[in-house]
Protein backbone atom coordinates (compact mmCIF):
# COMPACT_ATOMS: atom_id res chain seq x y z
CA UNK A 1 0.00 0.00 0.00
CA UNK A 2 1.41 3.42 -0.86
CA UNK A 3 2.19 5.91 1.86
CA UNK A 4 -0.68 8.23 2.65
CA UNK A 5 -0.23 11.98 2.57
CA UNK A 6 -1.25 14.94 0.46
CA UNK A 7 -1.82 12.74 -2.57
CA UNK A 8 -4.61 14.03 -4.80
CA UNK A 9 -4.77 10.66 -6.59
CA UNK A 10 -6.72 9.10 -3.72
CA UNK A 11 -8.31 10.28 -0.52
CA UNK A 12 -6.43 9.32 2.64
CA UNK A 13 -9.63 7.83 4.07
CA UNK A 14 -10.06 5.52 1.08
CA UNK A 15 -6.42 4.40 1.22
CA UNK A 16 -6.68 3.72 4.96
CA UNK A 17 -9.88 1.73 4.43
CA UNK A 18 -8.27 -0.40 1.72
CA UNK A 19 -5.15 -0.96 3.83
CA UNK A 20 -7.18 -2.13 6.84
CA UNK A 21 -9.26 -4.39 4.63
CA UNK A 22 -6.11 -5.94 3.13
CA UNK A 23 -4.47 -6.12 6.58
CA UNK A 24 -1.56 -4.22 5.05
CA UNK A 25 1.18 -2.23 6.70
CA UNK A 26 0.49 1.43 6.16
CA UNK A 27 3.14 4.12 6.39
CA UNK A 28 1.77 7.65 6.68
CA UNK A 29 4.07 10.50 5.69
CA UNK A 30 2.49 13.91 6.18
CA UNK A 31 2.55 16.09 3.10
CA UNK A 32 3.94 13.37 0.86
CA UNK A 33 3.33 13.67 -2.87
CA UNK A 34 2.14 10.88 -5.16
CA UNK A 35 5.75 10.12 -6.17
CA UNK A 36 6.71 9.37 -2.57
CA UNK A 37 9.89 7.42 -3.46
CA UNK A 38 11.24 10.65 -4.95
CA UNK A 39 10.16 12.98 -2.15
CA UNK A 40 10.90 10.62 0.79
CA UNK A 41 13.38 8.00 -0.44
CA UNK A 42 14.81 7.16 3.00
CA UNK A 43 11.35 6.37 4.43
CA UNK A 44 10.48 4.15 1.46
CA UNK A 45 13.84 2.38 1.63
CA UNK A 46 13.39 1.69 5.35
CA UNK A 47 9.90 0.27 4.73
CA UNK A 48 11.25 -2.05 2.01
CA UNK A 49 14.11 -3.20 4.26
CA UNK A 50 11.66 -3.88 7.10
CA UNK A 51 9.52 -5.98 4.77
CA UNK A 52 12.55 -7.95 3.64
CA UNK A 53 13.65 -8.63 7.22
CA UNK A 54 10.14 -9.76 8.14
CA UNK A 55 10.21 -12.50 5.53
CA UNK A 56 13.56 -14.07 6.46
PDB file of N, CA and C in Angstrom:
ATOM      1  N   UNK A   1       0.845  -1.168   0.000  1.00  0.00           N
ATOM      2  CA  UNK A   1       0.000   0.000   0.000  1.00  0.00           C
ATOM      3  C   UNK A   1       0.891   1.230   0.000  1.00  0.00           C
ATOM      4  N   UNK A   2       0.567   2.221  -0.809  1.00  0.00           N
ATOM      5  CA  UNK A   2       1.410   3.423  -0.861  1.00  0.00           C
ATOM      6  C   UNK A   2       1.285   4.247   0.404  1.00  0.00           C
ATOM      7  N   UNK A   3       2.307   5.007   0.722  1.00  0.00           N
ATOM      8  CA  UNK A   3       2.190   5.908   1.858  1.00  0.00           C
ATOM      9  C   UNK A   3       1.070   6.907   1.642  1.00  0.00           C
ATOM     10  N   UNK A   4       0.433   7.291   2.712  1.00  0.00           N
ATOM     11  CA  UNK A   4      -0.684   8.235   2.651  1.00  0.00           C
ATOM     12  C   UNK A   4      -0.175   9.617   2.990  1.00  0.00           C
ATOM     13  N   UNK A   5      -0.618  10.602   2.276  1.00  0.00           N
ATOM     14  CA  UNK A   5      -0.233  11.984   2.569  1.00  0.00           C
ATOM     15  C   UNK A   5      -1.110  12.932   1.798  1.00  0.00           C
ATOM     16  N   UNK A   6      -0.510  13.931   1.219  1.00  0.00           N
ATOM     17  CA  UNK A   6      -1.254  14.936   0.462  1.00  0.00           C
ATOM     18  C   UNK A   6      -1.363  14.514  -0.994  1.00  0.00           C
ATOM     19  N   UNK A   7      -1.753  13.303  -1.219  1.00  0.00           N
ATOM     20  CA  UNK A   7      -1.815  12.743  -2.566  1.00  0.00           C
ATOM     21  C   UNK A   7      -3.195  12.968  -3.169  1.00  0.00           C
ATOM     22  N   UNK A   8      -3.298  13.787  -4.202  1.00  0.00           N
ATOM     23  CA  UNK A   8      -4.614  14.034  -4.798  1.00  0.00           C
ATOM     24  C   UNK A   8      -5.141  12.853  -5.603  1.00  0.00           C
ATOM     25  N   UNK A   9      -4.331  11.817  -5.805  1.00  0.00           N
ATOM     26  CA  UNK A   9      -4.767  10.661  -6.589  1.00  0.00           C
ATOM     27  C   UNK A   9      -5.742   9.774  -5.822  1.00  0.00           C
ATOM     28  N   UNK A  10      -5.795   9.898  -4.522  1.00  0.00           N
ATOM     29  CA  UNK A  10      -6.719   9.104  -3.725  1.00  0.00           C
ATOM     30  C   UNK A  10      -6.886   9.724  -2.356  1.00  0.00           C
ATOM     31  N   UNK A  11      -8.098   9.665  -1.830  1.00  0.00           N
ATOM     32  CA  UNK A  11      -8.305  10.276  -0.520  1.00  0.00           C
ATOM     33  C   UNK A  11      -7.637   9.435   0.556  1.00  0.00           C
ATOM     34  N   UNK A  12      -7.064  10.064   1.557  1.00  0.00           N
ATOM     35  CA  UNK A  12      -6.426   9.320   2.641  1.00  0.00           C
ATOM     36  C   UNK A  12      -7.388   8.336   3.316  1.00  0.00           C
ATOM     37  N   UNK A  13      -8.649   8.712   3.443  1.00  0.00           N
ATOM     38  CA  UNK A  13      -9.630   7.829   4.074  1.00  0.00           C
ATOM     39  C   UNK A  13      -9.819   6.554   3.253  1.00  0.00           C
ATOM     40  N   UNK A  14      -9.879   6.688   1.939  1.00  0.00           N
ATOM     41  CA  UNK A  14     -10.059   5.519   1.076  1.00  0.00           C
ATOM     42  C   UNK A  14      -8.835   4.610   1.124  1.00  0.00           C
ATOM     43  N   UNK A  15      -7.642   5.202   1.147  1.00  0.00           N
ATOM     44  CA  UNK A  15      -6.420   4.401   1.217  1.00  0.00           C
ATOM     45  C   UNK A  15      -6.344   3.680   2.546  1.00  0.00           C
ATOM     46  N   UNK A  16      -6.680   4.358   3.638  1.00  0.00           N
ATOM     47  CA  UNK A  16      -6.678   3.716   4.957  1.00  0.00           C
ATOM     48  C   UNK A  16      -7.672   2.563   4.999  1.00  0.00           C
ATOM     49  N   UNK A  17      -8.867   2.778   4.461  1.00  0.00           N
ATOM     50  CA  UNK A  17      -9.883   1.730   4.431  1.00  0.00           C
ATOM     51  C   UNK A  17      -9.369   0.496   3.681  1.00  0.00           C
ATOM     52  N   UNK A  18      -8.790   0.720   2.519  1.00  0.00           N
ATOM     53  CA  UNK A  18      -8.272  -0.399   1.722  1.00  0.00           C
ATOM     54  C   UNK A  18      -7.129  -1.111   2.445  1.00  0.00           C
ATOM     55  N   UNK A  19      -6.278  -0.354   3.100  1.00  0.00           N
ATOM     56  CA  UNK A  19      -5.153  -0.955   3.831  1.00  0.00           C
ATOM     57  C   UNK A  19      -5.656  -1.817   4.981  1.00  0.00           C
ATOM     58  N   UNK A  20      -6.624  -1.325   5.731  1.00  0.00           N
ATOM     59  CA  UNK A  20      -7.181  -2.127   6.836  1.00  0.00           C
ATOM     60  C   UNK A  20      -7.839  -3.389   6.299  1.00  0.00           C
ATOM     61  N   UNK A  21      -8.564  -3.244   5.222  1.00  0.00           N
ATOM     62  CA  UNK A  21      -9.263  -4.387   4.627  1.00  0.00           C
ATOM     63  C   UNK A  21      -8.274  -5.444   4.138  1.00  0.00           C
ATOM     64  N   UNK A  22      -7.133  -5.013   3.624  1.00  0.00           N
ATOM     65  CA  UNK A  22      -6.108  -5.937   3.132  1.00  0.00           C
ATOM     66  C   UNK A  22      -5.156  -6.381   4.241  1.00  0.00           C
ATOM     67  N   UNK A  23      -5.362  -5.844   5.455  1.00  0.00           N
ATOM     68  CA  UNK A  23      -4.467  -6.125   6.580  1.00  0.00           C
ATOM     69  C   UNK A  23      -3.021  -5.790   6.211  1.00  0.00           C
ATOM     70  N   UNK A  24      -2.866  -4.668   5.537  1.00  0.00           N
ATOM     71  CA  UNK A  24      -1.558  -4.216   5.049  1.00  0.00           C
ATOM     72  C   UNK A  24      -0.870  -3.318   6.068  1.00  0.00           C
ATOM     73  N   UNK A  25       0.431  -3.210   5.929  1.00  0.00           N
ATOM     74  CA  UNK A  25       1.183  -2.231   6.700  1.00  0.00           C
ATOM     75  C   UNK A  25       1.036  -0.894   5.994  1.00  0.00           C
ATOM     76  N   UNK A  26       0.713   0.116   6.742  1.00  0.00           N
ATOM     77  CA  UNK A  26       0.486   1.435   6.162  1.00  0.00           C
ATOM     78  C   UNK A  26       1.457   2.423   6.782  1.00  0.00           C
ATOM     79  N   UNK A  27       2.211   3.096   5.949  1.00  0.00           N
ATOM     80  CA  UNK A  27       3.136   4.123   6.392  1.00  0.00           C
ATOM     81  C   UNK A  27       2.562   5.469   5.992  1.00  0.00           C
ATOM     82  N   UNK A  28       2.305   6.322   6.977  1.00  0.00           N
ATOM     83  CA  UNK A  28       1.774   7.646   6.681  1.00  0.00           C
ATOM     84  C   UNK A  28       2.883   8.676   6.794  1.00  0.00           C
ATOM     85  N   UNK A  29       3.070   9.437   5.732  1.00  0.00           N
ATOM     86  CA  UNK A  29       4.067  10.503   5.693  1.00  0.00           C
ATOM     87  C   UNK A  29       3.322  11.789   5.375  1.00  0.00           C
ATOM     88  N   UNK A  30       3.221  12.655   6.359  1.00  0.00           N
ATOM     89  CA  UNK A  30       2.486  13.906   6.182  1.00  0.00           C
ATOM     90  C   UNK A  30       3.039  14.749   5.047  1.00  0.00           C
ATOM     91  N   UNK A  31       2.156  15.213   4.183  1.00  0.00           N
ATOM     92  CA  UNK A  31       2.550  16.089   3.097  1.00  0.00           C
ATOM     93  C   UNK A  31       3.247  15.408   1.941  1.00  0.00           C
ATOM     94  N   UNK A  32       3.264  14.087   1.943  1.00  0.00           N
ATOM     95  CA  UNK A  32       3.943  13.366   0.861  1.00  0.00           C
ATOM     96  C   UNK A  32       3.181  13.515  -0.449  1.00  0.00           C
ATOM     97  N   UNK A  33       3.924  13.580  -1.536  1.00  0.00           N
ATOM     98  CA  UNK A  33       3.329  13.669  -2.866  1.00  0.00           C
ATOM     99  C   UNK A  33       3.078  12.264  -3.406  1.00  0.00           C
ATOM    100  N   UNK A  34       2.443  12.170  -4.557  1.00  0.00           N
ATOM    101  CA  UNK A  34       2.139  10.876  -5.161  1.00  0.00           C
ATOM    102  C   UNK A  34       3.418  10.094  -5.473  1.00  0.00           C
ATOM    103  N   UNK A  35       4.467  10.767  -5.867  1.00  0.00           N
ATOM    104  CA  UNK A  35       5.747  10.121  -6.169  1.00  0.00           C
ATOM    105  C   UNK A  35       6.598  10.070  -4.896  1.00  0.00           C
ATOM    106  N   UNK A  36       6.066   9.383  -3.889  1.00  0.00           N
ATOM    107  CA  UNK A  36       6.707   9.373  -2.574  1.00  0.00           C
ATOM    108  C   UNK A  36       8.131   8.820  -2.592  1.00  0.00           C
ATOM    109  N   UNK A  37       8.497   7.862  -3.448  1.00  0.00           N
ATOM    110  CA  UNK A  37       9.888   7.416  -3.464  1.00  0.00           C
ATOM    111  C   UNK A  37      10.860   8.532  -3.851  1.00  0.00           C
ATOM    112  N   UNK A  38      10.374   9.523  -4.580  1.00  0.00           N
ATOM    113  CA  UNK A  38      11.236  10.647  -4.955  1.00  0.00           C
ATOM    114  C   UNK A  38      11.302  11.704  -3.856  1.00  0.00           C
ATOM    115  N   UNK A  39      10.181  11.930  -3.172  1.00  0.00           N
ATOM    116  CA  UNK A  39      10.163  12.976  -2.153  1.00  0.00           C
ATOM    117  C   UNK A  39      10.618  12.491  -0.780  1.00  0.00           C
ATOM    118  N   UNK A  40      10.513  11.182  -0.511  1.00  0.00           N
ATOM    119  CA  UNK A  40      10.904  10.622   0.790  1.00  0.00           C
ATOM    120  C   UNK A  40      11.611   9.278   0.596  1.00  0.00           C
ATOM    121  N   UNK A  41      12.737   9.270  -0.117  1.00  0.00           N
ATOM    122  CA  UNK A  41      13.384   7.995  -0.441  1.00  0.00           C
ATOM    123  C   UNK A  41      13.860   7.211   0.781  1.00  0.00           C
ATOM    124  N   UNK A  42      14.320   7.880   1.820  1.00  0.00           N
ATOM    125  CA  UNK A  42      14.809   7.159   2.999  1.00  0.00           C
ATOM    126  C   UNK A  42      13.678   6.411   3.698  1.00  0.00           C
ATOM    127  N   UNK A  43      12.498   7.031   3.794  1.00  0.00           N
ATOM    128  CA  UNK A  43      11.351   6.368   4.427  1.00  0.00           C
ATOM    129  C   UNK A  43      10.914   5.142   3.633  1.00  0.00           C
ATOM    130  N   UNK A  44      10.883   5.275   2.316  1.00  0.00           N
ATOM    131  CA  UNK A  44      10.483   4.155   1.458  1.00  0.00           C
ATOM    132  C   UNK A  44      11.515   3.030   1.536  1.00  0.00           C
ATOM    133  N   UNK A  45      12.780   3.387   1.533  1.00  0.00           N
ATOM    134  CA  UNK A  45      13.841   2.380   1.634  1.00  0.00           C
ATOM    135  C   UNK A  45      13.747   1.626   2.949  1.00  0.00           C
ATOM    136  N   UNK A  46      13.509   2.343   4.041  1.00  0.00           N
ATOM    137  CA  UNK A  46      13.387   1.691   5.346  1.00  0.00           C
ATOM    138  C   UNK A  46      12.201   0.730   5.374  1.00  0.00           C
ATOM    139  N   UNK A  47      11.083   1.126   4.781  1.00  0.00           N
ATOM    140  CA  UNK A  47       9.896   0.265   4.734  1.00  0.00           C
ATOM    141  C   UNK A  47      10.201  -1.014   3.932  1.00  0.00           C
ATOM    142  N   UNK A  48      10.893  -0.884   2.828  1.00  0.00           N
ATOM    143  CA  UNK A  48      11.253  -2.052   2.010  1.00  0.00           C
ATOM    144  C   UNK A  48      12.208  -2.970   2.778  1.00  0.00           C
ATOM    145  N   UNK A  49      13.179  -2.391   3.462  1.00  0.00           N
ATOM    146  CA  UNK A  49      14.105  -3.203   4.260  1.00  0.00           C
ATOM    147  C   UNK A  49      13.374  -3.918   5.393  1.00  0.00           C
ATOM    148  N   UNK A  50      12.437  -3.238   6.037  1.00  0.00           N
ATOM    149  CA  UNK A  50      11.655  -3.878   7.101  1.00  0.00           C
ATOM    150  C   UNK A  50      10.858  -5.060   6.556  1.00  0.00           C
ATOM    151  N   UNK A  51      10.288  -4.893   5.385  1.00  0.00           N
ATOM    152  CA  UNK A  51       9.525  -5.980   4.771  1.00  0.00           C
ATOM    153  C   UNK A  51      10.417  -7.166   4.455  1.00  0.00           C
ATOM    154  N   UNK A  52      11.609  -6.884   3.950  1.00  0.00           N
ATOM    155  CA  UNK A  52      12.553  -7.946   3.644  1.00  0.00           C
ATOM    156  C   UNK A  52      12.984  -8.708   4.878  1.00  0.00           C
ATOM    157  N   UNK A  53      13.255  -7.981   5.963  1.00  0.00           N
ATOM    158  CA  UNK A  53      13.655  -8.627   7.223  1.00  0.00           C
ATOM    159  C   UNK A  53      12.522  -9.460   7.802  1.00  0.00           C
ATOM    160  N   UNK A  54      11.294  -9.042   7.601  1.00  0.00           N
ATOM    161  CA  UNK A  54      10.144  -9.760   8.142  1.00  0.00           C
ATOM    162  C   UNK A  54       9.905 -11.086   7.458  1.00  0.00           C
ATOM    163  N   UNK A  55      10.455 -11.261   6.274  1.00  0.00           N
ATOM    164  CA  UNK A  55      10.208 -12.500   5.532  1.00  0.00           C
ATOM    165  C   UNK A  55      11.361 -13.496   5.632  1.00  0.00           C
ATOM    166  N   UNK A  56      12.421 -13.147   6.364  1.00  0.00           N
ATOM    167  CA  UNK A  56      13.558 -14.067   6.465  1.00  0.00           C
ATOM    168  C   UNK A  56      13.629 -14.681   7.847  1.00  0.00           C
TER     169      UNK A  56
END
